[in-house]
Amino acid sequence: MKFELKVVMMAIICSLAFMLVFTYGCSLGQKTLYAYQVGIYKEESNKEQKLSELKEMGIEGYTYTKNNQYYVLSMISEQKDEVEKHATKVKGIMKTYIVPSATTKEMLLETLSKGDAL
């Protein structure tokens, strides 16, 4: 086999190997969290009212504050299908966050309240 052909073949093999490492290797330390947002309020009393409504429905509810507004979430989960099923009970929007695998719900809420990029 010619030397040039060997070099080209090695370059192709190395390129594929690097592509796989960067594509899949970088995502190993990450997970996806799905959050279901049910409201944004300027008044704290409105936030509390929404949390009470959720509690009456048997839903825990989560909240964070950003830019003087109160964000209310009715669910945070790693399971997209759980959130989609939940969406049939409560009106809102689903948001997706790619986060480090060690991220907890509390850490997500803290990050969101600081306005840090996810």
PDB file of N, CA and C in Angstrom:
ATOM      1  N   MET A   1       0.849  -1.167   0.000  1.00  0.00           N
ATOM      2  CA  MET A   1       0.000   0.000   0.000  1.00  0.00           C
ATOM      3  C   MET A   1       0.899   1.236   0.000  1.00  0.00           C
ATOM      4  N   LYS A   2       0.516   2.222  -0.766  1.00  0.00           N
ATOM      5  CA  LYS A   2       1.304   3.442  -0.855  1.00  0.00           C
ATOM      6  C   LYS A   2       1.252   4.201   0.469  1.00  0.00           C
ATOM      7  N   PHE A   3       2.339   4.891   0.735  1.00  0.00           N
ATOM      8  CA  PHE A   3       2.459   5.672   1.963  1.00  0.00           C
ATOM      9  C   PHE A   3       1.364   6.734   2.045  1.00  0.00           C
ATOM     10  N   GLU A   4       1.081   7.425   0.953  1.00  0.00           N
ATOM     11  CA  GLU A   4       0.072   8.495   0.933  1.00  0.00           C
ATOM     12  C   GLU A   4      -1.311   7.952   1.281  1.00  0.00           C
ATOM     13  N   LEU A   5      -1.621   6.769   0.776  1.00  0.00           N
ATOM     14  CA  LEU A   5      -2.910   6.154   1.059  1.00  0.00           C
ATOM     15  C   LEU A   5      -3.026   5.802   2.544  1.00  0.00           C
ATOM     16  N   LYS A   6      -1.936   5.316   3.116  1.00  0.00           N
ATOM     17  CA  LYS A   6      -1.928   5.005   4.553  1.00  0.00           C
ATOM     18  C   LYS A   6      -2.160   6.272   5.375  1.00  0.00           C
ATOM     19  N   VAL A   7      -1.540   7.362   4.970  1.00  0.00           N
ATOM     20  CA  VAL A   7      -1.700   8.635   5.693  1.00  0.00           C
ATOM     21  C   VAL A   7      -3.153   9.102   5.611  1.00  0.00           C
ATOM     22  N   VAL A   8      -3.749   9.031   4.456  1.00  0.00           N
ATOM     23  CA  VAL A   8      -5.146   9.450   4.278  1.00  0.00           C
ATOM     24  C   VAL A   8      -6.066   8.579   5.122  1.00  0.00           C
ATOM     25  N   MET A   9      -5.848   7.272   5.116  1.00  0.00           N
ATOM     26  CA  MET A   9      -6.679   6.359   5.905  1.00  0.00           C
ATOM     27  C   MET A   9      -6.537   6.648   7.396  1.00  0.00           C
ATOM     28  N   MET A  10      -5.328   6.900   7.856  1.00  0.00           N
ATOM     29  CA  MET A  10      -5.114   7.216   9.273  1.00  0.00           C
ATOM     30  C   MET A  10      -5.780   8.535   9.639  1.00  0.00           C
ATOM     31  N   ALA A  11      -5.727   9.500   8.744  1.00  0.00           N
ATOM     32  CA  ALA A  11      -6.372  10.787   8.989  1.00  0.00           C
ATOM     33  C   ALA A  11      -7.882  10.623   9.122  1.00  0.00           C
ATOM     34  N   ILE A  12      -8.468   9.811   8.268  1.00  0.00           N
ATOM     35  CA  ILE A  12      -9.917   9.563   8.325  1.00  0.00           C
ATOM     36  C   ILE A  12     -10.283   8.849   9.616  1.00  0.00           C
ATOM     37  N   ILE A  13      -9.525   7.839   9.987  1.00  0.00           N
ATOM     38  CA  ILE A  13      -9.790   7.094  11.226  1.00  0.00           C
ATOM     39  C   ILE A  13      -9.657   8.003  12.439  1.00  0.00           C
ATOM     40  N   CYS A  14      -8.605   8.812  12.482  1.00  0.00           N
ATOM     41  CA  CYS A  14      -8.417   9.735  13.611  1.00  0.00           C
ATOM     42  C   CYS A  14      -9.536  10.766  13.665  1.00  0.00           C
ATOM     43  N   SER A  15      -9.949  11.275  12.533  1.00  0.00           N
ATOM     44  CA  SER A  15     -11.042  12.251  12.487  1.00  0.00           C
ATOM     45  C   SER A  15     -12.333  11.660  13.043  1.00  0.00           C
ATOM     46  N   LEU A  16     -12.639  10.444  12.645  1.00  0.00           N
ATOM     47  CA  LEU A  16     -13.843   9.786  13.160  1.00  0.00           C
ATOM     48  C   LEU A  16     -13.748   9.549  14.661  1.00  0.00           C
ATOM     49  N   ALA A  17     -12.573   9.125  15.119  1.00  0.00           N
ATOM     50  CA  ALA A  17     -12.388   8.884  16.552  1.00  0.00           C
ATOM     51  C   ALA A  17     -12.563  10.174  17.340  1.00  0.00           C
ATOM     52  N   PHE A  18     -11.958  11.268  16.885  1.00  0.00           N
ATOM     53  CA  PHE A  18     -12.103  12.546  17.582  1.00  0.00           C
ATOM     54  C   PHE A  18     -13.537  13.043  17.556  1.00  0.00           C
ATOM     55  N   MET A  19     -14.215  12.845  16.442  1.00  0.00           N
ATOM     56  CA  MET A  19     -15.600  13.269  16.342  1.00  0.00           C
ATOM     57  C   MET A  19     -16.461  12.523  17.374  1.00  0.00           C
ATOM     58  N   LEU A  20     -16.255  11.224  17.504  1.00  0.00           N
ATOM     59  CA  LEU A  20     -17.007  10.442  18.485  1.00  0.00           C
ATOM     60  C   LEU A  20     -16.691  10.879  19.906  1.00  0.00           C
ATOM     61  N   VAL A  21     -15.424  11.106  20.199  1.00  0.00           N
ATOM     62  CA  VAL A  21     -15.033  11.522  21.549  1.00  0.00           C
ATOM     63  C   VAL A  21     -15.661  12.861  21.894  1.00  0.00           C
ATOM     64  N   PHE A  22     -15.575  13.825  21.001  1.00  0.00           N
ATOM     65  CA  PHE A  22     -16.118  15.143  21.303  1.00  0.00           C
ATOM     66  C   PHE A  22     -17.640  15.154  21.303  1.00  0.00           C
ATOM     67  N   THR A  23     -18.263  14.367  20.475  1.00  0.00           N
ATOM     68  CA  THR A  23     -19.721  14.335  20.420  1.00  0.00           C
ATOM     69  C   THR A  23     -20.315  13.626  21.629  1.00  0.00           C
ATOM     70  N   TYR A  24     -19.799  12.445  21.940  1.00  0.00           N
ATOM     71  CA  TYR A  24     -20.390  11.649  23.017  1.00  0.00           C
ATOM     72  C   TYR A  24     -19.652  11.803  24.340  1.00  0.00           C
ATOM     73  N   GLY A  25     -18.365  12.013  24.292  1.00  0.00           N
ATOM     74  CA  GLY A  25     -17.583  12.151  25.510  1.00  0.00           C
ATOM     75  C   GLY A  25     -17.965  13.376  26.314  1.00  0.00           C
ATOM     76  N   CYS A  26     -18.258  14.466  25.630  1.00  0.00           N
ATOM     77  CA  CYS A  26     -18.623  15.707  26.312  1.00  0.00           C
ATOM     78  C   CYS A  26     -19.985  15.614  26.976  1.00  0.00           C
ATOM     79  N   SER A  27     -20.859  14.775  26.452  1.00  0.00           N
ATOM     80  CA  SER A  27     -22.204  14.678  27.017  1.00  0.00           C
ATOM     81  C   SER A  27     -22.300  13.673  28.156  1.00  0.00           C
ATOM     82  N   LEU A  28     -21.246  12.926  28.436  1.00  0.00           N
ATOM     83  CA  LEU A  28     -21.304  11.926  29.503  1.00  0.00           C
ATOM     84  C   LEU A  28     -21.517  12.544  30.879  1.00  0.00           C
ATOM     85  N   GLY A  29     -20.984  13.725  31.112  1.00  0.00           N
ATOM     86  CA  GLY A  29     -21.123  14.370  32.411  1.00  0.00           C
ATOM     87  C   GLY A  29     -22.322  15.287  32.488  1.00  0.00           C
ATOM     88  N   GLN A  30     -23.270  15.137  31.565  1.00  0.00           N
ATOM     89  CA  GLN A  30     -24.432  16.014  31.529  1.00  0.00           C
ATOM     90  C   GLN A  30     -25.728  15.213  31.559  1.00  0.00           C
ATOM     91  N   LYS A  31     -26.789  15.929  31.912  1.00  0.00           N
ATOM     92  CA  LYS A  31     -28.126  15.346  31.846  1.00  0.00           C
ATOM     93  C   LYS A  31     -29.091  16.444  31.427  1.00  0.00           C
ATOM     94  N   THR A  32     -30.280  16.034  31.064  1.00  0.00           N
ATOM     95  CA  THR A  32     -31.320  16.983  30.673  1.00  0.00           C
ATOM     96  C   THR A  32     -32.368  17.041  31.772  1.00  0.00           C
ATOM     97  N   LEU A  33     -32.685  18.258  32.189  1.00  0.00           N
ATOM     98  CA  LEU A  33     -33.779  18.473  33.140  1.00  0.00           C
ATOM     99  C   LEU A  33     -34.899  19.189  32.397  1.00  0.00           C
ATOM    100  N   TYR A  34     -36.123  18.732  32.623  1.00  0.00           N
ATOM    101  CA  TYR A  34     -37.297  19.332  32.022  1.00  0.00           C
ATOM    102  C   TYR A  34     -38.066  20.037  33.129  1.00  0.00           C
ATOM    103  N   ALA A  35     -38.340  21.316  32.923  1.00  0.00           N
ATOM    104  CA  ALA A  35     -39.085  22.101  33.908  1.00  0.00           C
ATOM    105  C   ALA A  35     -40.381  22.569  33.265  1.00  0.00           C
ATOM    106  N   TYR A  36     -41.466  22.496  34.026  1.00  0.00           N
ATOM    107  CA  TYR A  36     -42.763  22.929  33.517  1.00  0.00           C
ATOM    108  C   TYR A  36     -43.146  24.223  34.216  1.00  0.00           C
ATOM    109  N   GLN A  37     -43.095  25.315  33.461  1.00  0.00           N
ATOM    110  CA  GLN A  37     -43.364  26.648  34.008  1.00  0.00           C
ATOM    111  C   GLN A  37     -44.839  26.977  33.865  1.00  0.00           C
ATOM    112  N   VAL A  38     -45.444  27.397  34.982  1.00  0.00           N
ATOM    113  CA  VAL A  38     -46.882  27.688  34.969  1.00  0.00           C
ATOM    114  C   VAL A  38     -47.207  29.153  35.231  1.00  0.00           C
ATOM    115  N   GLY A  39     -46.188  29.980  35.423  1.00  0.00           N
ATOM    116  CA  GLY A  39     -46.484  31.394  35.606  1.00  0.00           C
ATOM    117  C   GLY A  39     -45.264  32.241  35.890  1.00  0.00           C
ATOM    118  N   ILE A  40     -45.400  33.523  35.527  1.00  0.00           N
ATOM    119  CA  ILE A  40     -44.425  34.564  35.872  1.00  0.00           C
ATOM    120  C   ILE A  40     -45.236  35.712  36.451  1.00  0.00           C
ATOM    121  N   TYR A  41     -44.872  36.158  37.660  1.00  0.00           N
ATOM    122  CA  TYR A  41     -45.666  37.167  38.347  1.00  0.00           C
ATOM    123  C   TYR A  41     -44.785  38.298  38.858  1.00  0.00           C
ATOM    124  N   LYS A  42     -45.352  39.510  38.826  1.00  0.00           N
ATOM    125  CA  LYS A  42     -44.656  40.666  39.388  1.00  0.00           C
ATOM    126  C   LYS A  42     -44.963  40.799  40.874  1.00  0.00           C
ATOM    127  N   GLU A  43     -46.142  40.361  41.266  1.00  0.00           N
ATOM    128  CA  GLU A  43     -46.573  40.481  42.659  1.00  0.00           C
ATOM    129  C   GLU A  43     -46.360  39.161  43.394  1.00  0.00           C
ATOM    130  N   GLU A  44     -45.786  39.240  44.586  1.00  0.00           N
ATOM    131  CA  GLU A  44     -45.544  38.040  45.383  1.00  0.00           C
ATOM    132  C   GLU A  44     -46.845  37.349  45.758  1.00  0.00           C
ATOM    133  N   SER A  45     -47.902  38.138  45.976  1.00  0.00           N
ATOM    134  CA  SER A  45     -49.191  37.543  46.348  1.00  0.00           C
ATOM    135  C   SER A  45     -49.736  36.653  45.226  1.00  0.00           C
ATOM    136  N   ASN A  46     -49.505  37.040  43.980  1.00  0.00           N
ATOM    137  CA  ASN A  46     -49.953  36.214  42.851  1.00  0.00           C
ATOM    138  C   ASN A  46     -49.169  34.906  42.790  1.00  0.00           C
ATOM    139  N   LYS A  47     -47.874  34.993  43.080  1.00  0.00           N
ATOM    140  CA  LYS A  47     -47.046  33.789  43.131  1.00  0.00           C
ATOM    141  C   LYS A  47     -47.559  32.844  44.206  1.00  0.00           C
ATOM    142  N   GLU A  48     -47.832  33.384  45.379  1.00  0.00           N
ATOM    143  CA  GLU A  48     -48.324  32.570  46.493  1.00  0.00           C
ATOM    144  C   GLU A  48     -49.679  31.940  46.167  1.00  0.00           C
ATOM    145  N   GLN A  49     -50.523  32.688  45.473  1.00  0.00           N
ATOM    146  CA  GLN A  49     -51.825  32.161  45.081  1.00  0.00           C
ATOM    147  C   GLN A  49     -51.652  30.982  44.126  1.00  0.00           C
ATOM    148  N   LYS A  50     -50.738  31.115  43.165  1.00  0.00           N
ATOM    149  CA  LYS A  50     -50.504  30.023  42.213  1.00  0.00           C
ATOM    150  C   LYS A  50     -49.939  28.801  42.927  1.00  0.00           C
ATOM    151  N   LEU A  51     -49.010  29.007  43.856  1.00  0.00           N
ATOM    152  CA  LEU A  51     -48.463  27.882  44.627  1.00  0.00           C
ATOM    153  C   LEU A  51     -49.552  27.193  45.444  1.00  0.00           C
ATOM    154  N   SER A  52     -50.494  27.975  45.986  1.00  0.00           N
ATOM    155  CA  SER A  52     -51.620  27.397  46.730  1.00  0.00           C
ATOM    156  C   SER A  52     -52.514  26.570  45.826  1.00  0.00           C
ATOM    157  N   GLU A  53     -52.773  27.071  44.617  1.00  0.00           N
ATOM    158  CA  GLU A  53     -53.582  26.319  43.651  1.00  0.00           C
ATOM    159  C   GLU A  53     -52.908  24.983  43.325  1.00  0.00           C
ATOM    160  N   LEU A  54     -51.603  25.033  43.124  1.00  0.00           N
ATOM    161  CA  LEU A  54     -50.865  23.802  42.824  1.00  0.00           C
ATOM    162  C   LEU A  54     -50.948  22.826  43.988  1.00  0.00           C
ATOM    163  N   LYS A  55     -50.803  23.355  45.205  1.00  0.00           N
ATOM    164  CA  LYS A  55     -50.849  22.496  46.392  1.00  0.00           C
ATOM    165  C   LYS A  55     -52.206  21.820  46.522  1.00  0.00           C
ATOM    166  N   GLU A  56     -53.276  22.552  46.223  1.00  0.00           N
ATOM    167  CA  GLU A  56     -54.624  21.977  46.264  1.00  0.00           C
ATOM    168  C   GLU A  56     -54.778  20.839  45.255  1.00  0.00           C
ATOM    169  N   MET A  57     -54.005  20.904  44.167  1.00  0.00           N
ATOM    170  CA  MET A  57     -54.036  19.865  43.134  1.00  0.00           C
ATOM    171  C   MET A  57     -53.099  18.706  43.476  1.00  0.00           C
ATOM    172  N   GLY A  58     -52.383  18.831  44.608  1.00  0.00           N
ATOM    173  CA  GLY A  58     -51.443  17.791  45.000  1.00  0.00           C
ATOM    174  C   GLY A  58     -50.080  17.930  44.348  1.00  0.00           C
ATOM    175  N   ILE A  59     -49.771  19.129  43.889  1.00  0.00           N
ATOM    176  CA  ILE A  59     -48.503  19.403  43.213  1.00  0.00           C
ATOM    177  C   ILE A  59     -47.642  20.276  44.107  1.00  0.00           C
ATOM    178  N   GLU A  60     -46.387  19.869  44.302  1.00  0.00           N
ATOM    179  CA  GLU A  60     -45.488  20.586  45.207  1.00  0.00           C
ATOM    180  C   GLU A  60     -45.232  22.023  44.761  1.00  0.00           C
ATOM    181  N   GLY A  61     -44.808  22.233  43.539  1.00  0.00           N
ATOM    182  CA  GLY A  61     -44.521  23.569  43.019  1.00  0.00           C
ATOM    183  C   GLY A  61     -43.147  24.064  43.433  1.00  0.00           C
ATOM    184  N   TYR A  62     -42.517  24.802  42.550  1.00  0.00           N
ATOM    185  CA  TYR A  62     -41.191  25.382  42.793  1.00  0.00           C
ATOM    186  C   TYR A  62     -41.242  26.831  42.345  1.00  0.00           C
ATOM    187  N   THR A  63     -40.379  27.638  42.925  1.00  0.00           N
ATOM    188  CA  THR A  63     -40.353  29.042  42.545  1.00  0.00           C
ATOM    189  C   THR A  63     -38.934  29.589  42.627  1.00  0.00           C
ATOM    190  N   TYR A  64     -38.685  30.575  41.795  1.00  0.00           N
ATOM    191  CA  TYR A  64     -37.432  31.326  41.876  1.00  0.00           C
ATOM    192  C   TYR A  64     -37.719  32.754  41.433  1.00  0.00           C
ATOM    193  N   THR A  65     -36.856  33.670  41.844  1.00  0.00           N
ATOM    194  CA  THR A  65     -37.017  35.085  41.522  1.00  0.00           C
ATOM    195  C   THR A  65     -35.874  35.529  40.625  1.00  0.00           C
ATOM    196  N   LYS A  66     -36.243  36.236  39.563  1.00  0.00           N
ATOM    197  CA  LYS A  66     -35.235  36.765  38.634  1.00  0.00           C
ATOM    198  C   LYS A  66     -35.761  38.081  38.079  1.00  0.00           C
ATOM    199  N   ASN A  67     -34.919  39.100  38.102  1.00  0.00           N
ATOM    200  CA  ASN A  67     -35.281  40.423  37.573  1.00  0.00           C
ATOM    201  C   ASN A  67     -36.595  40.935  38.166  1.00  0.00           C
ATOM    202  N   ASN A  68     -36.728  40.799  39.471  1.00  0.00           N
ATOM    203  CA  ASN A  68     -37.910  41.264  40.209  1.00  0.00           C
ATOM    204  C   ASN A  68     -39.210  40.620  39.744  1.00  0.00           C
ATOM    205  N   GLN A  69     -39.110  39.414  39.205  1.00  0.00           N
ATOM    206  CA  GLN A  69     -40.295  38.656  38.831  1.00  0.00           C
ATOM    207  C   GLN A  69     -40.214  37.281  39.476  1.00  0.00           C
ATOM    208  N   TYR A  70     -41.385  36.732  39.787  1.00  0.00           N
ATOM    209  CA  TYR A  70     -41.486  35.429  40.421  1.00  0.00           C
ATOM    210  C   TYR A  70     -41.878  34.391  39.371  1.00  0.00           C
ATOM    211  N   TYR A  71     -41.050  33.383  39.219  1.00  0.00           N
ATOM    212  CA  TYR A  71     -41.311  32.297  38.271  1.00  0.00           C
ATOM    213  C   TYR A  71     -41.820  31.091  39.057  1.00  0.00           C
ATOM    214  N   VAL A  72     -42.906  30.492  38.586  1.00  0.00           N
ATOM    215  CA  VAL A  72     -43.489  29.334  39.258  1.00  0.00           C
ATOM    216  C   VAL A  72     -43.415  28.133  38.322  1.00  0.00           C
ATOM    217  N   LEU A  73     -42.845  27.058  38.843  1.00  0.00           N
ATOM    218  CA  LEU A  73     -42.736  25.805  38.108  1.00  0.00           C
ATOM    219  C   LEU A  73     -43.568  24.756  38.840  1.00  0.00           C
ATOM    220  N   SER A  74     -44.267  23.942  38.095  1.00  0.00           N
ATOM    221  CA  SER A  74     -45.075  22.911  38.737  1.00  0.00           C
ATOM    222  C   SER A  74     -44.376  21.555  38.737  1.00  0.00           C
ATOM    223  N   MET A  75     -43.290  21.427  37.957  1.00  0.00           N
ATOM    224  CA  MET A  75     -42.584  20.147  37.920  1.00  0.00           C
ATOM    225  C   MET A  75     -41.188  20.347  37.364  1.00  0.00           C
ATOM    226  N   ILE A  76     -40.243  19.582  37.922  1.00  0.00           N
ATOM    227  CA  ILE A  76     -38.886  19.483  37.391  1.00  0.00           C
ATOM    228  C   ILE A  76     -38.561  17.995  37.384  1.00  0.00           C
ATOM    229  N   SER A  77     -38.154  17.484  36.224  1.00  0.00           N
ATOM    230  CA  SER A  77     -37.902  16.055  36.110  1.00  0.00           C
ATOM    231  C   SER A  77     -36.867  15.774  35.025  1.00  0.00           C
ATOM    232  N   GLU A  78     -36.212  14.622  35.150  1.00  0.00           N
ATOM    233  CA  GLU A  78     -35.317  14.153  34.092  1.00  0.00           C
ATOM    234  C   GLU A  78     -36.094  13.368  33.039  1.00  0.00           C
ATOM    235  N   GLN A  79     -37.333  13.053  33.330  1.00  0.00           N
ATOM    236  CA  GLN A  79     -38.172  12.239  32.440  1.00  0.00           C
ATOM    237  C   GLN A  79     -39.115  13.132  31.645  1.00  0.00           C
ATOM    238  N   LYS A  80     -38.851  13.280  30.362  1.00  0.00           N
ATOM    239  CA  LYS A  80     -39.678  14.134  29.515  1.00  0.00           C
ATOM    240  C   LYS A  80     -41.122  13.648  29.466  1.00  0.00           C
ATOM    241  N   ASP A  81     -41.319  12.334  29.414  1.00  0.00           N
ATOM    242  CA  ASP A  81     -42.682  11.806  29.336  1.00  0.00           C
ATOM    243  C   ASP A  81     -43.495  12.115  30.592  1.00  0.00           C
ATOM    244  N   GLU A  82     -42.836  12.165  31.748  1.00  0.00           N
ATOM    245  CA  GLU A  82     -43.533  12.545  32.990  1.00  0.00           C
ATOM    246  C   GLU A  82     -44.043  13.975  32.901  1.00  0.00           C
ATOM    247  N   VAL A  83     -43.199  14.862  32.375  1.00  0.00           N
ATOM    248  CA  VAL A  83     -43.584  16.268  32.260  1.00  0.00           C
ATOM    249  C   VAL A  83     -44.691  16.431  31.219  1.00  0.00           C
ATOM    250  N   GLU A  84     -44.605  15.690  30.123  1.00  0.00           N
ATOM    251  CA  GLU A  84     -45.660  15.760  29.111  1.00  0.00           C
ATOM    252  C   GLU A  84     -46.992  15.267  29.662  1.00  0.00           C
ATOM    253  N   LYS A  85     -46.966  14.225  30.481  1.00  0.00           N
ATOM    254  CA  LYS A  85     -48.191  13.722  31.118  1.00  0.00           C
ATOM    255  C   LYS A  85     -48.727  14.768  32.103  1.00  0.00           C
ATOM    256  N   HIS A  86     -47.812  15.383  32.853  1.00  0.00           N
ATOM    257  CA  HIS A  86     -48.174  16.436  33.805  1.00  0.00           C
ATOM    258  C   HIS A  86     -48.828  17.614  33.074  1.00  0.00           C
ATOM    259  N   ALA A  87     -48.373  17.896  31.860  1.00  0.00           N
ATOM    260  CA  ALA A  87     -48.885  19.027  31.080  1.00  0.00           C
ATOM    261  C   ALA A  87     -50.364  18.885  30.747  1.00  0.00           C
ATOM    262  N   THR A  88     -50.900  17.679  30.810  1.00  0.00           N
ATOM    263  CA  THR A  88     -52.320  17.491  30.541  1.00  0.00           C
ATOM    264  C   THR A  88     -53.180  17.968  31.711  1.00  0.00           C
ATOM    265  N   LYS A  89     -52.553  18.122  32.897  1.00  0.00           N
ATOM    266  CA  LYS A  89     -53.287  18.547  34.092  1.00  0.00           C
ATOM    267  C   LYS A  89     -53.189  20.054  34.336  1.00  0.00           C
ATOM    268  N   VAL A  90     -52.073  20.653  33.921  1.00  0.00           N
ATOM    269  CA  VAL A  90     -51.788  22.050  34.243  1.00  0.00           C
ATOM    270  C   VAL A  90     -51.376  22.779  32.971  1.00  0.00           C
ATOM    271  N   LYS A  91     -51.864  24.007  32.817  1.00  0.00           N
ATOM    272  CA  LYS A  91     -51.498  24.800  31.652  1.00  0.00           C
ATOM    273  C   LYS A  91     -50.163  25.495  31.905  1.00  0.00           C
ATOM    274  N   GLY A  92     -49.249  25.390  30.942  1.00  0.00           N
ATOM    275  CA  GLY A  92     -47.947  26.024  31.082  1.00  0.00           C
ATOM    276  C   GLY A  92     -47.069  25.700  29.896  1.00  0.00           C
ATOM    277  N   ILE A  93     -45.761  25.871  30.084  1.00  0.00           N
ATOM    278  CA  ILE A  93     -44.810  25.556  29.020  1.00  0.00           C
ATOM    279  C   ILE A  93     -43.654  24.734  29.582  1.00  0.00           C
ATOM    280  N   MET A  94     -43.146  23.826  28.757  1.00  0.00           N
ATOM    281  CA  MET A  94     -42.017  22.999  29.164  1.00  0.00           C
ATOM    282  C   MET A  94     -40.725  23.661  28.692  1.00  0.00           C
ATOM    283  N   LYS A  95     -39.752  23.695  29.585  1.00  0.00           N
ATOM    284  CA  LYS A  95     -38.436  24.212  29.254  1.00  0.00           C
ATOM    285  C   LYS A  95     -37.423  23.102  29.463  1.00  0.00           C
ATOM    286  N   THR A  96     -36.398  23.097  28.633  1.00  0.00           N
ATOM    287  CA  THR A  96     -35.378  22.059  28.677  1.00  0.00           C
ATOM    288  C   THR A  96     -34.041  22.677  29.038  1.00  0.00           C
ATOM    289  N   TYR A  97     -33.333  22.044  29.974  1.00  0.00           N
ATOM    290  CA  TYR A  97     -32.026  22.527  30.408  1.00  0.00           C
ATOM    291  C   TYR A  97     -31.019  21.382  30.371  1.00  0.00           C
ATOM    292  N   ILE A  98     -29.879  21.611  29.725  1.00  0.00           N
ATOM    293  CA  ILE A  98     -28.769  20.664  29.736  1.00  0.00           C
ATOM    294  C   ILE A  98     -27.847  21.120  30.858  1.00  0.00           C
ATOM    295  N   VAL A  99     -27.661  20.267  31.858  1.00  0.00           N
ATOM    296  CA  VAL A  99     -26.921  20.640  33.063  1.00  0.00           C
ATOM    297  C   VAL A  99     -25.907  19.557  33.414  1.00  0.00           C
ATOM    298  N   PRO A 100     -24.932  19.887  34.268  1.00  0.00           N
ATOM    299  CA  PRO A 100     -24.022  18.839  34.748  1.00  0.00           C
ATOM    300  C   PRO A 100     -24.811  17.741  35.462  1.00  0.00           C
ATOM    301  N   SER A 101     -24.336  16.523  35.389  1.00  0.00           N
ATOM    302  CA  SER A 101     -25.090  15.385  35.925  1.00  0.00           C
ATOM    303  C   SER A 101     -25.317  15.456  37.426  1.00  0.00           C
ATOM    304  N   ALA A 102     -24.528  16.216  38.144  1.00  0.00           N
ATOM    305  CA  ALA A 102     -24.696  16.330  39.596  1.00  0.00           C
ATOM    306  C   ALA A 102     -25.729  17.388  39.990  1.00  0.00           C
ATOM    307  N   THR A 103     -26.323  18.079  39.035  1.00  0.00           N
ATOM    308  CA  THR A 103     -27.257  19.166  39.323  1.00  0.00           C
ATOM    309  C   THR A 103     -28.545  18.635  39.943  1.00  0.00           C
ATOM    310  N   THR A 104     -28.952  19.263  41.049  1.00  0.00           N
ATOM    311  CA  THR A 104     -30.211  18.932  41.715  1.00  0.00           C
ATOM    312  C   THR A 104     -31.269  19.967  41.327  1.00  0.00           C
ATOM    313  N   LYS A 105     -32.504  19.741  41.728  1.00  0.00           N
ATOM    314  CA  LYS A 105     -33.572  20.706  41.465  1.00  0.00           C
ATOM    315  C   LYS A 105     -33.256  22.043  42.109  1.00  0.00           C
ATOM    316  N   GLU A 106     -32.746  21.993  43.338  1.00  0.00           N
ATOM    317  CA  GLU A 106     -32.418  23.215  44.051  1.00  0.00           C
ATOM    318  C   GLU A 106     -31.306  23.989  43.353  1.00  0.00           C
ATOM    319  N   MET A 107     -30.311  23.261  42.853  1.00  0.00           N
ATOM    320  CA  MET A 107     -29.218  23.902  42.140  1.00  0.00           C
ATOM    321  C   MET A 107     -29.719  24.543  40.847  1.00  0.00           C
ATOM    322  N   LEU A 108     -30.638  23.874  40.157  1.00  0.00           N
ATOM    323  CA  LEU A 108     -31.215  24.442  38.941  1.00  0.00           C
ATOM    324  C   LEU A 108     -31.941  25.743  39.253  1.00  0.00           C
ATOM    325  N   LEU A 109     -32.766  25.733  40.298  1.00  0.00           N
ATOM    326  CA  LEU A 109     -33.515  26.937  40.671  1.00  0.00           C
ATOM    327  C   LEU A 109     -32.578  28.076  41.038  1.00  0.00           C
ATOM    328  N   GLU A 110     -31.515  27.771  41.752  1.00  0.00           N
ATOM    329  CA  GLU A 110     -30.535  28.802  42.136  1.00  0.00           C
ATOM    330  C   GLU A 110     -29.855  29.387  40.891  1.00  0.00           C
ATOM    331  N   THR A 111     -29.488  28.525  39.964  1.00  0.00           N
ATOM    332  CA  THR A 111     -28.848  28.972  38.730  1.00  0.00           C
ATOM    333  C   THR A 111     -29.797  29.843  37.912  1.00  0.00           C
ATOM    334  N   LEU A 112     -31.057  29.428  37.831  1.00  0.00           N
ATOM    335  CA  LEU A 112     -32.037  30.206  37.091  1.00  0.00           C
ATOM    336  C   LEU A 112     -32.262  31.576  37.734  1.00  0.00           C
ATOM    337  N   SER A 113     -32.294  31.630  39.054  1.00  0.00           N
ATOM    338  CA  SER A 113     -32.528  32.907  39.731  1.00  0.00           C
ATOM    339  C   SER A 113     -31.365  33.870  39.537  1.00  0.00           C
ATOM    340  N   LYS A 114     -30.167  33.330  39.377  1.00  0.00           N
ATOM    341  CA  LYS A 114     -28.997  34.192  39.137  1.00  0.00           C
ATOM    342  C   LYS A 114     -28.929  34.648  37.685  1.00  0.00           C
ATOM    343  N   GLY A 115     -29.697  33.986  36.829  1.00  0.00           N
ATOM    344  CA  GLY A 115     -29.679  34.338  35.417  1.00  0.00           C
ATOM    345  C   GLY A 115     -28.489  33.767  34.690  1.00  0.00           C
ATOM    346  N   ASP A 116     -27.811  32.781  35.305  1.00  0.00           N
ATOM    347  CA  ASP A 116     -26.667  32.151  34.662  1.00  0.00           C
ATOM    348  C   ASP A 116     -27.125  31.369  33.444  1.00  0.00           C
ATOM    349  N   ALA A 117     -26.287  31.347  32.449  1.00  0.00           N
ATOM    350  CA  ALA A 117     -26.612  30.602  31.223  1.00  0.00           C
ATOM    351  C   ALA A 117     -26.586  29.119  31.477  1.00  0.00           C
ATOM    352  N   LEU A 118     -27.511  28.406  30.865  1.00  0.00           N
ATOM    353  CA  LEU A 118     -27.555  26.941  30.943  1.00  0.00           C
ATOM    354  C   LEU A 118     -27.424  26.362  29.571  1.00  0.00           C
TER     355      LEU A 118
END
